[in-house]
């Protein structure tokens, strides 16, 4: 917030005219405005070259100059102008007419500043909306490209290569939805291969990706559980199996004492890419379903239905 010449002039007039006694001026204007006493007290003892003490009008610019290099300089000047605009103790002034003129000028300046601030706020909001719209357009464009990439992988014949490309697709998807994600890595001296990991709401997630012809079974998911058990206390797991899992997987996962694994299938992933749903929110709803109802899987259709119900209840 810059200080205009007009604001500075009003602040100087306020210091010079509103209170005749310097001590009153300090306690009613300078101190409430946030000017430290160690700034203005030495100046009160300054003498003119004629030997007399400086007048309030002579002191005013010196006091403002003394705080000009401080980070809160503009705040101090604005505070003095606001004090002046609300001033009604005209009996404290040496010249009541000069004090009233200062108050009127301060009120006028504040009205003008308020109008400018409102106009700038409107412009800022418009810029924000335009930037958000630009981001959404770019996100839609990138999401469409990722959706095409997914559809191309469906047709791919090399299953091994497809698995690695799935990991890359997943990372690009998480990046697009602004989720802090880490690519595949090894740990425990190369003894464990982690397909990926991400951070969401202060929870760490390990990711296991599968794209096999057959649905995943509980043994494969237990492999992810072992990695989670060897990790930190707040670690959870996301098991992504494009072709889903056998029918007993969910019931077996419910038997685990600690509910740490959420499931995601290819229909979920394609829905994120092609239906433009928010991945962060989708994952949060999946975690809620696991935490509250011990259900490791909440599918895309359930999520969309939940969103429709939320819209109806808010309308």
C-alpha atoms as a PDB file:
ATOM      1  CA  UNK A   1       0.000   0.000   0.000  1.00  0.00           C
ATOM      2  CA  UNK A   2       1.695   3.209  -1.233  1.00  0.00           C
ATOM      3  CA  UNK A   3       1.272   6.575   0.467  1.00  0.00           C
ATOM      4  CA  UNK A   4      -0.083   9.272  -1.812  1.00  0.00           C
ATOM      5  CA  UNK A   5       1.041  12.899  -1.583  1.00  0.00           C
ATOM      6  CA  UNK A   6      -2.488  13.796  -0.506  1.00  0.00           C
ATOM      7  CA  UNK A   7      -2.491  11.295   2.381  1.00  0.00           C
ATOM      8  CA  UNK A   8       0.848  12.591   3.625  1.00  0.00           C
ATOM      9  CA  UNK A   9      -0.393  16.200   3.492  1.00  0.00           C
ATOM     10  CA  UNK A  10      -3.513  15.308   5.502  1.00  0.00           C
ATOM     11  CA  UNK A  11      -1.382  13.441   8.068  1.00  0.00           C
ATOM     12  CA  UNK A  12       0.864  16.495   8.443  1.00  0.00           C
ATOM     13  CA  UNK A  13      -2.182  18.768   8.863  1.00  0.00           C
ATOM     14  CA  UNK A  14      -3.636  16.411  11.468  1.00  0.00           C
ATOM     15  CA  UNK A  15      -0.457  16.508  13.541  1.00  0.00           C
ATOM     16  CA  UNK A  16      -0.201  20.287  13.124  1.00  0.00           C
ATOM     17  CA  UNK A  17      -3.798  21.399  13.759  1.00  0.00           C
ATOM     18  CA  UNK A  18      -5.947  18.953  15.721  1.00  0.00           C
ATOM     19  CA  UNK A  19      -4.361  19.298  19.169  1.00  0.00           C
ATOM     20  CA  UNK A  20      -2.717  22.468  20.414  1.00  0.00           C
ATOM     21  CA  UNK A  21      -0.742  20.769  23.206  1.00  0.00           C
ATOM     22  CA  UNK A  22       2.082  18.552  21.989  1.00  0.00           C
ATOM     23  CA  UNK A  23       1.573  15.992  24.742  1.00  0.00           C
ATOM     24  CA  UNK A  24      -2.085  15.619  23.722  1.00  0.00           C
ATOM     25  CA  UNK A  25      -1.046  15.353  20.093  1.00  0.00           C
ATOM     26  CA  UNK A  26       1.317  12.497  20.989  1.00  0.00           C
ATOM     27  CA  UNK A  27      -1.250  10.550  23.026  1.00  0.00           C
ATOM     28  CA  UNK A  28      -4.253  11.143  20.750  1.00  0.00           C
ATOM     29  CA  UNK A  29      -2.620  10.924  17.307  1.00  0.00           C
ATOM     30  CA  UNK A  30       0.948   9.609  17.165  1.00  0.00           C
ATOM     31  CA  UNK A  31       0.698   6.790  19.689  1.00  0.00           C
ATOM     32  CA  UNK A  32      -2.658   5.386  18.420  1.00  0.00           C
ATOM     33  CA  UNK A  33      -1.291   5.516  14.863  1.00  0.00           C
ATOM     34  CA  UNK A  34       1.520   3.160  15.866  1.00  0.00           C
ATOM     35  CA  UNK A  35       4.462   5.570  15.923  1.00  0.00           C
ATOM     36  CA  UNK A  36       6.918   4.407  18.627  1.00  0.00           C
ATOM     37  CA  UNK A  37       7.612   6.954  21.367  1.00  0.00           C
ATOM     38  CA  UNK A  38      11.352   6.562  20.790  1.00  0.00           C
ATOM     39  CA  UNK A  39      10.749   8.108  17.349  1.00  0.00           C
ATOM     40  CA  UNK A  40       8.834  11.223  18.326  1.00  0.00           C
ATOM     41  CA  UNK A  41      10.094  12.002  21.858  1.00  0.00           C
ATOM     42  CA  UNK A  42      13.617  13.060  20.707  1.00  0.00           C
ATOM     43  CA  UNK A  43      12.069  15.256  18.000  1.00  0.00           C
ATOM     44  CA  UNK A  44       9.992  17.096  20.577  1.00  0.00           C
ATOM     45  CA  UNK A  45      13.266  18.367  22.022  1.00  0.00           C
ATOM     46  CA  UNK A  46      14.610  19.546  18.664  1.00  0.00           C
ATOM     47  CA  UNK A  47      15.303  23.296  18.427  1.00  0.00           C
ATOM     48  CA  UNK A  48      14.994  25.677  15.519  1.00  0.00           C
ATOM     49  CA  UNK A  49      18.182  27.500  14.526  1.00  0.00           C
ATOM     50  CA  UNK A  50      16.754  30.491  16.410  1.00  0.00           C
ATOM     51  CA  UNK A  51      16.856  28.475  19.640  1.00  0.00           C
ATOM     52  CA  UNK A  52      13.116  27.863  20.018  1.00  0.00           C
ATOM     53  CA  UNK A  53      11.488  24.426  20.064  1.00  0.00           C
ATOM     54  CA  UNK A  54      10.074  23.226  16.765  1.00  0.00           C
ATOM     55  CA  UNK A  55       6.385  23.815  16.153  1.00  0.00           C
ATOM     56  CA  UNK A  56       3.978  20.943  15.474  1.00  0.00           C
ATOM     57  CA  UNK A  57       3.888  21.930  11.801  1.00  0.00           C
ATOM     58  CA  UNK A  58       7.684  21.753  11.666  1.00  0.00           C
ATOM     59  CA  UNK A  59       7.676  18.458  13.592  1.00  0.00           C
ATOM     60  CA  UNK A  60       5.051  16.710  11.467  1.00  0.00           C
ATOM     61  CA  UNK A  61       7.145  16.015   8.317  1.00  0.00           C
ATOM     62  CA  UNK A  62      10.155  15.083  10.475  1.00  0.00           C
ATOM     63  CA  UNK A  63       8.082  12.521  12.383  1.00  0.00           C
ATOM     64  CA  UNK A  64       6.743  10.977   9.162  1.00  0.00           C
ATOM     65  CA  UNK A  65      10.217  10.962   7.614  1.00  0.00           C
ATOM     66  CA  UNK A  66      11.529   9.158  10.705  1.00  0.00           C
ATOM     67  CA  UNK A  67       9.207   6.191  10.025  1.00  0.00           C
ATOM     68  CA  UNK A  68       9.286   6.374   6.222  1.00  0.00           C
ATOM     69  CA  UNK A  69      11.653   3.416   5.872  1.00  0.00           C
ATOM     70  CA  UNK A  70       9.628   1.180   8.164  1.00  0.00           C
ATOM     71  CA  UNK A  71       7.481  -1.588   6.668  1.00  0.00           C
ATOM     72  CA  UNK A  72       4.363  -0.181   8.341  1.00  0.00           C
ATOM     73  CA  UNK A  73       4.847   3.399   7.130  1.00  0.00           C
ATOM     74  CA  UNK A  74       1.774   3.357   4.893  1.00  0.00           C
ATOM     75  CA  UNK A  75      -0.283   1.829   7.718  1.00  0.00           C
ATOM     76  CA  UNK A  76       0.819   4.593  10.073  1.00  0.00           C
ATOM     77  CA  UNK A  77      -0.072   7.370   7.639  1.00  0.00           C
ATOM     78  CA  UNK A  78      -3.461   5.774   6.874  1.00  0.00           C
ATOM     79  CA  UNK A  79      -4.133   5.463  10.621  1.00  0.00           C
ATOM     80  CA  UNK A  80      -3.428   9.177  11.157  1.00  0.00           C
ATOM     81  CA  UNK A  81      -5.806  10.071   8.317  1.00  0.00           C
ATOM     82  CA  UNK A  82      -8.501   7.827   9.827  1.00  0.00           C
ATOM     83  CA  UNK A  83      -8.002   9.397  13.261  1.00  0.00           C
ATOM     84  CA  UNK A  84      -8.378  12.833  11.681  1.00  0.00           C
ATOM     85  CA  UNK A  85     -11.560  11.833   9.808  1.00  0.00           C
ATOM     86  CA  UNK A  86     -13.209  10.731  13.090  1.00  0.00           C
ATOM     87  CA  UNK A  87     -11.940  13.686  15.138  1.00  0.00           C
ATOM     88  CA  UNK A  88     -14.576  15.740  16.983  1.00  0.00           C
ATOM     89  CA  UNK A  89     -12.649  17.205  19.939  1.00  0.00           C
ATOM     90  CA  UNK A  90     -12.265  20.604  18.332  1.00  0.00           C
ATOM     91  CA  UNK A  91     -11.875  22.297  21.729  1.00  0.00           C
ATOM     92  CA  UNK A  92      -8.352  20.818  21.825  1.00  0.00           C
ATOM     93  CA  UNK A  93      -7.272  22.779  18.757  1.00  0.00           C
ATOM     94  CA  UNK A  94      -5.713  26.214  18.748  1.00  0.00           C
ATOM     95  CA  UNK A  95      -7.636  27.066  15.571  1.00  0.00           C
ATOM     96  CA  UNK A  96     -11.002  25.279  15.453  1.00  0.00           C
ATOM     97  CA  UNK A  97     -11.639  26.279  11.820  1.00  0.00           C
ATOM     98  CA  UNK A  98      -8.287  24.878  10.693  1.00  0.00           C
ATOM     99  CA  UNK A  99      -8.992  21.651  12.627  1.00  0.00           C
ATOM    100  CA  UNK A 100     -12.451  21.293  11.029  1.00  0.00           C
ATOM    101  CA  UNK A 101     -10.932  21.852   7.591  1.00  0.00           C
ATOM    102  CA  UNK A 102      -8.406  19.070   8.309  1.00  0.00           C
ATOM    103  CA  UNK A 103     -11.185  16.696   9.396  1.00  0.00           C
ATOM    104  CA  UNK A 104     -13.213  17.469   6.283  1.00  0.00           C
ATOM    105  CA  UNK A 105     -10.194  16.929   4.046  1.00  0.00           C
ATOM    106  CA  UNK A 106      -9.341  13.652   5.806  1.00  0.00           C
ATOM    107  CA  UNK A 107     -12.910  12.385   5.315  1.00  0.00           C
ATOM    108  CA  UNK A 108     -12.787  13.300   1.631  1.00  0.00           C
ATOM    109  CA  UNK A 109      -9.454  11.535   1.139  1.00  0.00           C
ATOM    110  CA  UNK A 110     -10.714   8.402   2.915  1.00  0.00           C
ATOM    111  CA  UNK A 111     -13.835   8.292   0.736  1.00  0.00           C
ATOM    112  CA  UNK A 112     -11.673   8.542  -2.361  1.00  0.00           C
ATOM    113  CA  UNK A 113      -9.299   5.847  -1.078  1.00  0.00           C
ATOM    114  CA  UNK A 114     -12.206   3.562  -0.231  1.00  0.00           C
ATOM    115  CA  UNK A 115     -13.641   3.991  -3.736  1.00  0.00           C
ATOM    116  CA  UNK A 116     -10.228   3.239  -5.270  1.00  0.00           C
ATOM    117  CA  UNK A 117      -9.777   0.189  -3.028  1.00  0.00           C
ATOM    118  CA  UNK A 118     -13.206  -1.124  -4.033  1.00  0.00           C
ATOM    119  CA  UNK A 119     -12.399  -0.590  -7.695  1.00  0.00           C
ATOM    120  CA  UNK A 120      -9.047  -2.324  -7.303  1.00  0.00           C
ATOM    121  CA  UNK A 121     -10.734  -5.188  -5.447  1.00  0.00           C
ATOM    122  CA  UNK A 122     -13.192  -5.608  -8.321  1.00  0.00           C
ATOM    123  CA  UNK A 123     -10.321  -5.623 -10.817  1.00  0.00           C
ATOM    124  CA  UNK A 124      -8.437  -8.111  -8.647  1.00  0.00           C
ATOM    125  CA  UNK A 125     -11.475 -10.387  -8.457  1.00  0.00           C
ATOM    126  CA  UNK A 126     -11.934 -10.146 -12.213  1.00  0.00           C
ATOM    127  CA  UNK A 127      -8.263 -11.013 -12.785  1.00  0.00           C
ATOM    128  CA  UNK A 128      -8.625 -13.909 -10.374  1.00  0.00           C
ATOM    129  CA  UNK A 129     -11.702 -15.222 -12.196  1.00  0.00           C
ATOM    130  CA  UNK A 130      -9.990 -14.857 -15.571  1.00  0.00           C
ATOM    131  CA  UNK A 131      -6.926 -16.700 -14.303  1.00  0.00           C
ATOM    132  CA  UNK A 132      -9.097 -19.433 -12.812  1.00  0.00           C
ATOM    133  CA  UNK A 133     -10.942 -19.785 -16.118  1.00  0.00           C
ATOM    134  CA  UNK A 134      -7.613 -19.998 -17.948  1.00  0.00           C
ATOM    135  CA  UNK A 135      -6.390 -22.681 -15.541  1.00  0.00           C
ATOM    136  CA  UNK A 136      -9.623 -24.635 -15.990  1.00  0.00           C
ATOM    137  CA  UNK A 137      -9.334 -24.442 -19.787  1.00  0.00           C
ATOM    138  CA  UNK A 138      -5.749 -25.649 -19.634  1.00  0.00           C
ATOM    139  CA  UNK A 139      -6.678 -28.373 -17.174  1.00  0.00           C
ATOM    140  CA  UNK A 140      -9.534 -29.520 -19.426  1.00  0.00           C
ATOM    141  CA  UNK A 141      -7.179 -29.598 -22.410  1.00  0.00           C
ATOM    142  CA  UNK A 142      -4.522 -31.586 -20.533  1.00  0.00           C
ATOM    143  CA  UNK A 143      -7.123 -33.918 -19.078  1.00  0.00           C
ATOM    144  CA  UNK A 144      -8.473 -34.657 -22.558  1.00  0.00           C
ATOM    145  CA  UNK A 145      -4.952 -35.537 -23.732  1.00  0.00           C
ATOM    146  CA  UNK A 146      -4.475 -37.853 -20.747  1.00  0.00           C
ATOM    147  CA  UNK A 147      -7.835 -39.456 -21.486  1.00  0.00           C
ATOM    148  CA  UNK A 148      -6.653 -40.148 -25.056  1.00  0.00           C
ATOM    149  CA  UNK A 149      -3.430 -41.564 -23.627  1.00  0.00           C
ATOM    150  CA  UNK A 150      -5.447 -43.897 -21.402  1.00  0.00           C
ATOM    151  CA  UNK A 151      -7.610 -45.061 -24.311  1.00  0.00           C
ATOM    152  CA  UNK A 152      -4.466 -45.740 -26.374  1.00  0.00           C
ATOM    153  CA  UNK A 153      -3.066 -47.844 -23.512  1.00  0.00           C
ATOM    154  CA  UNK A 154      -6.239 -49.922 -23.517  1.00  0.00           C
ATOM    155  CA  UNK A 155      -5.401 -50.967 -27.093  1.00  0.00           C
ATOM    156  CA  UNK A 156      -1.711 -51.601 -26.345  1.00  0.00           C
ATOM    157  CA  UNK A 157      -0.522 -55.195 -26.801  1.00  0.00           C
ATOM    158  CA  UNK A 158       2.678 -55.039 -24.715  1.00  0.00           C
ATOM    159  CA  UNK A 159       1.351 -55.588 -21.183  1.00  0.00           C
ATOM    160  CA  UNK A 160       4.752 -55.008 -19.529  1.00  0.00           C
ATOM    161  CA  UNK A 161       5.297 -51.672 -21.285  1.00  0.00           C
ATOM    162  CA  UNK A 162       1.701 -50.709 -20.596  1.00  0.00           C
ATOM    163  CA  UNK A 163       2.274 -51.150 -16.857  1.00  0.00           C
ATOM    164  CA  UNK A 164       5.162 -48.663 -16.854  1.00  0.00           C
ATOM    165  CA  UNK A 165       3.178 -46.209 -18.968  1.00  0.00           C
ATOM    166  CA  UNK A 166       0.305 -46.493 -16.483  1.00  0.00           C
ATOM    167  CA  UNK A 167       2.624 -45.273 -13.722  1.00  0.00           C
ATOM    168  CA  UNK A 168       3.587 -42.270 -15.858  1.00  0.00           C
ATOM    169  CA  UNK A 169      -0.063 -41.584 -16.698  1.00  0.00           C
ATOM    170  CA  UNK A 170      -0.958 -41.698 -13.022  1.00  0.00           C
ATOM    171  CA  UNK A 171       1.815 -39.241 -12.127  1.00  0.00           C
ATOM    172  CA  UNK A 172       0.692 -36.808 -14.832  1.00  0.00           C
ATOM    173  CA  UNK A 173      -2.890 -37.108 -13.580  1.00  0.00           C
ATOM    174  CA  UNK A 174      -1.890 -36.376  -9.980  1.00  0.00           C
ATOM    175  CA  UNK A 175       0.234 -33.422 -11.111  1.00  0.00           C
ATOM    176  CA  UNK A 176      -2.731 -32.078 -13.069  1.00  0.00           C
ATOM    177  CA  UNK A 177      -4.883 -32.204  -9.936  1.00  0.00           C
ATOM    178  CA  UNK A 178      -2.151 -30.547  -7.847  1.00  0.00           C
ATOM    179  CA  UNK A 179      -1.398 -33.536  -5.651  1.00  0.00           C
ATOM    180  CA  UNK A 180       2.180 -33.848  -4.451  1.00  0.00           C
ATOM    181  CA  UNK A 181       3.219 -37.144  -6.042  1.00  0.00           C
ATOM    182  CA  UNK A 182       6.467 -39.119  -6.220  1.00  0.00           C
ATOM    183  CA  UNK A 183       7.378 -41.463  -9.053  1.00  0.00           C
ATOM    184  CA  UNK A 184       8.285 -45.112  -8.519  1.00  0.00           C
ATOM    185  CA  UNK A 185      11.259 -45.768  -6.238  1.00  0.00           C
ATOM    186  CA  UNK A 186      13.001 -48.536  -4.314  1.00  0.00           C
ATOM    187  CA  UNK A 187      13.715 -48.686  -0.602  1.00  0.00           C
ATOM    188  CA  UNK A 188      15.194 -51.005   2.025  1.00  0.00           C
ATOM    189  CA  UNK A 189      18.399 -51.405   0.000  1.00  0.00           C
ATOM    190  CA  UNK A 190      16.460 -52.239  -3.135  1.00  0.00           C
ATOM    191  CA  UNK A 191      14.358 -54.887  -1.423  1.00  0.00           C
ATOM    192  CA  UNK A 192      11.072 -53.110  -2.145  1.00  0.00           C
ATOM    193  CA  UNK A 193       9.765 -51.516  -5.320  1.00  0.00           C
ATOM    194  CA  UNK A 194       7.144 -48.804  -4.708  1.00  0.00           C
ATOM    195  CA  UNK A 195       5.079 -47.888  -7.781  1.00  0.00           C
ATOM    196  CA  UNK A 196       4.438 -44.371  -6.492  1.00  0.00           C
ATOM    197  CA  UNK A 197       3.506 -42.256  -3.497  1.00  0.00           C
ATOM    198  CA  UNK A 198       1.618 -39.070  -2.803  1.00  0.00           C
ATOM    199  CA  UNK A 199       0.684 -36.723   0.016  1.00  0.00           C
ATOM    200  CA  UNK A 200      -2.901 -35.641   0.657  1.00  0.00           C
ATOM    201  CA  UNK A 201      -4.259 -33.929   3.786  1.00  0.00           C
ATOM    202  CA  UNK A 202      -1.100 -34.749   5.765  1.00  0.00           C
ATOM    203  CA  UNK A 203      -1.494 -38.454   4.951  1.00  0.00           C
ATOM    204  CA  UNK A 204       1.135 -40.340   2.982  1.00  0.00           C
ATOM    205  CA  UNK A 205      -0.152 -42.863   0.441  1.00  0.00           C
ATOM    206  CA  UNK A 206       1.793 -45.661  -1.208  1.00  0.00           C
ATOM    207  CA  UNK A 207       0.488 -46.609  -4.649  1.00  0.00           C
ATOM    208  CA  UNK A 208       0.344 -50.038  -6.252  1.00  0.00           C
ATOM    209  CA  UNK A 209      -0.606 -50.133  -9.963  1.00  0.00           C
ATOM    210  CA  UNK A 210      -1.892 -53.244 -11.730  1.00  0.00           C
ATOM    211  CA  UNK A 211      -2.998 -53.740 -15.302  1.00  0.00           C
ATOM    212  CA  UNK A 212      -3.404 -57.438 -15.797  1.00  0.00           C
ATOM    213  CA  UNK A 213      -5.893 -59.417 -17.823  1.00  0.00           C
ATOM    214  CA  UNK A 214      -7.278 -61.027 -14.695  1.00  0.00           C
ATOM    215  CA  UNK A 215      -8.705 -59.077 -11.745  1.00  0.00           C
ATOM    216  CA  UNK A 216      -6.353 -58.601  -8.797  1.00  0.00           C
ATOM    217  CA  UNK A 217      -6.609 -60.977  -5.852  1.00  0.00           C
ATOM    218  CA  UNK A 218      -6.033 -60.491  -2.145  1.00  0.00           C
ATOM    219  CA  UNK A 219      -2.437 -61.766  -2.315  1.00  0.00           C
ATOM    220  CA  UNK A 220      -1.441 -58.852  -4.528  1.00  0.00           C
ATOM    221  CA  UNK A 221      -3.188 -56.369  -2.259  1.00  0.00           C
ATOM    222  CA  UNK A 222      -1.545 -57.948   0.791  1.00  0.00           C
ATOM    223  CA  UNK A 223       1.763 -57.021  -0.818  1.00  0.00           C
ATOM    224  CA  UNK A 224       0.762 -53.359  -0.599  1.00  0.00           C
ATOM    225  CA  UNK A 225      -0.398 -53.873   2.998  1.00  0.00           C
ATOM    226  CA  UNK A 226       3.062 -55.189   3.872  1.00  0.00           C
ATOM    227  CA  UNK A 227       4.658 -52.046   2.424  1.00  0.00           C
ATOM    228  CA  UNK A 228       2.260 -49.894   4.448  1.00  0.00           C
ATOM    229  CA  UNK A 229       3.015 -51.817   7.647  1.00  0.00           C
ATOM    230  CA  UNK A 230       6.717 -51.142   7.106  1.00  0.00           C
ATOM    231  CA  UNK A 231       6.067 -47.414   6.706  1.00  0.00           C
ATOM    232  CA  UNK A 232       5.124 -44.539   9.016  1.00  0.00           C
ATOM    233  CA  UNK A 233       2.061 -44.487  11.258  1.00  0.00           C
ATOM    234  CA  UNK A 234       0.068 -42.113   9.018  1.00  0.00           C
ATOM    235  CA  UNK A 235       0.707 -44.073   5.821  1.00  0.00           C
ATOM    236  CA  UNK A 236      -2.183 -45.435   3.755  1.00  0.00           C
ATOM    237  CA  UNK A 237      -2.352 -47.215   0.417  1.00  0.00           C
ATOM    238  CA  UNK A 238      -4.050 -46.749  -2.941  1.00  0.00           C
ATOM    239  CA  UNK A 239      -4.391 -49.966  -4.941  1.00  0.00           C
ATOM    240  CA  UNK A 240      -5.157 -49.199  -8.570  1.00  0.00           C
ATOM    241  CA  UNK A 241      -6.228 -52.204 -10.609  1.00  0.00           C
ATOM    242  CA  UNK A 242      -7.480 -51.257 -14.057  1.00  0.00           C
ATOM    243  CA  UNK A 243      -9.435 -54.495 -14.439  1.00  0.00           C
ATOM    244  CA  UNK A 244     -10.694 -54.500 -10.853  1.00  0.00           C
ATOM    245  CA  UNK A 245     -10.337 -57.301  -8.288  1.00  0.00           C
ATOM    246  CA  UNK A 246     -11.932 -60.580  -7.364  1.00  0.00           C
ATOM    247  CA  UNK A 247     -15.261 -60.486  -5.554  1.00  0.00           C
ATOM    248  CA  UNK A 248     -13.838 -61.570  -2.185  1.00  0.00           C
ATOM    249  CA  UNK A 249     -11.218 -58.796  -1.987  1.00  0.00           C
ATOM    250  CA  UNK A 250     -13.409 -56.173  -0.298  1.00  0.00           C
ATOM    251  CA  UNK A 251     -14.770 -58.599   2.318  1.00  0.00           C
ATOM    252  CA  UNK A 252     -11.248 -59.810   3.107  1.00  0.00           C
ATOM    253  CA  UNK A 253      -9.926 -56.251   3.422  1.00  0.00           C
ATOM    254  CA  UNK A 254     -12.670 -55.523   5.952  1.00  0.00           C
ATOM    255  CA  UNK A 255     -11.154 -58.193   8.200  1.00  0.00           C
ATOM    256  CA  UNK A 256      -7.931 -56.201   8.588  1.00  0.00           C
ATOM    257  CA  UNK A 257      -7.824 -54.556  11.995  1.00  0.00           C
ATOM    258  CA  UNK A 258      -6.345 -51.412  10.477  1.00  0.00           C
ATOM    259  CA  UNK A 259      -8.232 -49.929   7.553  1.00  0.00           C
ATOM    260  CA  UNK A 260      -5.473 -48.428   5.415  1.00  0.00           C
ATOM    261  CA  UNK A 261      -6.146 -49.383   1.775  1.00  0.00           C
ATOM    262  CA  UNK A 262      -8.542 -47.735  -0.662  1.00  0.00           C
ATOM    263  CA  UNK A 263      -9.287 -49.253  -4.058  1.00  0.00           C
ATOM    264  CA  UNK A 264      -9.480 -47.647  -7.472  1.00  0.00           C
ATOM    265  CA  UNK A 265     -10.266 -49.265 -10.822  1.00  0.00           C
ATOM    266  CA  UNK A 266      -9.914 -48.269 -14.468  1.00  0.00           C
ATOM    267  CA  UNK A 267     -13.447 -46.898 -14.589  1.00  0.00           C
ATOM    268  CA  UNK A 268     -12.559 -44.554 -11.709  1.00  0.00           C
ATOM    269  CA  UNK A 269      -9.379 -43.376 -13.420  1.00  0.00           C
ATOM    270  CA  UNK A 270     -11.052 -42.783 -16.770  1.00  0.00           C
ATOM    271  CA  UNK A 271     -13.833 -40.916 -14.993  1.00  0.00           C
ATOM    272  CA  UNK A 272     -11.285 -38.574 -13.425  1.00  0.00           C
ATOM    273  CA  UNK A 273      -9.720 -37.933 -16.824  1.00  0.00           C
ATOM    274  CA  UNK A 274     -12.772 -37.774 -19.069  1.00  0.00           C
ATOM    275  CA  UNK A 275     -15.567 -36.707 -16.716  1.00  0.00           C
ATOM    276  CA  UNK A 276     -13.524 -33.834 -15.286  1.00  0.00           C
ATOM    277  CA  UNK A 277     -14.170 -34.799 -11.649  1.00  0.00           C
ATOM    278  CA  UNK A 278     -11.789 -33.543  -8.986  1.00  0.00           C
ATOM    279  CA  UNK A 279      -9.295 -36.230  -8.015  1.00  0.00           C
ATOM    280  CA  UNK A 280      -8.528 -34.712  -4.620  1.00  0.00           C
ATOM    281  CA  UNK A 281     -12.182 -34.716  -3.623  1.00  0.00           C
ATOM    282  CA  UNK A 282     -12.711 -38.207  -5.076  1.00  0.00           C
ATOM    283  CA  UNK A 283      -9.851 -39.589  -2.968  1.00  0.00           C
ATOM    284  CA  UNK A 284     -11.114 -37.823   0.149  1.00  0.00           C
ATOM    285  CA  UNK A 285     -14.568 -39.349  -0.286  1.00  0.00           C
ATOM    286  CA  UNK A 286     -12.961 -42.779  -0.736  1.00  0.00           C
ATOM    287  CA  UNK A 287     -11.000 -42.302   2.508  1.00  0.00           C
ATOM    288  CA  UNK A 288     -14.160 -41.170   4.308  1.00  0.00           C
ATOM    289  CA  UNK A 289     -15.991 -44.279   3.106  1.00  0.00           C
ATOM    290  CA  UNK A 290     -13.176 -46.456   4.463  1.00  0.00           C
ATOM    291  CA  UNK A 291     -12.879 -44.578   7.760  1.00  0.00           C
ATOM    292  CA  UNK A 292     -16.585 -44.320   8.571  1.00  0.00           C
ATOM    293  CA  UNK A 293     -18.056 -47.453   6.982  1.00  0.00           C
ATOM    294  CA  UNK A 294     -14.998 -49.747   6.648  1.00  0.00           C
ATOM    295  CA  UNK A 295     -15.653 -49.925   2.902  1.00  0.00           C
ATOM    296  CA  UNK A 296     -12.383 -50.021   0.909  1.00  0.00           C
ATOM    297  CA  UNK A 297     -14.065 -49.161  -2.392  1.00  0.00           C
ATOM    298  CA  UNK A 298     -16.328 -46.319  -3.416  1.00  0.00           C
ATOM    299  CA  UNK A 299     -16.810 -46.272  -7.165  1.00  0.00           C
ATOM    300  CA  UNK A 300     -17.309 -43.452  -9.611  1.00  0.00           C
ATOM    301  CA  UNK A 301     -21.076 -43.909  -9.854  1.00  0.00           C
ATOM    302  CA  UNK A 302     -21.446 -43.771  -6.059  1.00  0.00           C
ATOM    303  CA  UNK A 303     -19.287 -40.654  -5.964  1.00  0.00           C
ATOM    304  CA  UNK A 304     -21.305 -38.905  -8.670  1.00  0.00           C
ATOM    305  CA  UNK A 305     -24.560 -39.875  -6.947  1.00  0.00           C
ATOM    306  CA  UNK A 306     -23.220 -38.489  -3.669  1.00  0.00           C
ATOM    307  CA  UNK A 307     -22.430 -35.230  -5.457  1.00  0.00           C
ATOM    308  CA  UNK A 308     -25.949 -35.031  -6.872  1.00  0.00           C
ATOM    309  CA  UNK A 309     -27.451 -35.592  -3.434  1.00  0.00           C
ATOM    310  CA  UNK A 310     -25.225 -32.861  -1.999  1.00  0.00           C
ATOM    311  CA  UNK A 311     -26.448 -30.442  -4.701  1.00  0.00           C
ATOM    312  CA  UNK A 312     -30.093 -31.274  -3.984  1.00  0.00           C
ATOM    313  CA  UNK A 313     -29.677 -30.738  -0.234  1.00  0.00           C
ATOM    314  CA  UNK A 314     -27.986 -27.350  -0.768  1.00  0.00           C
ATOM    315  CA  UNK A 315     -30.603 -26.104  -3.264  1.00  0.00           C
END
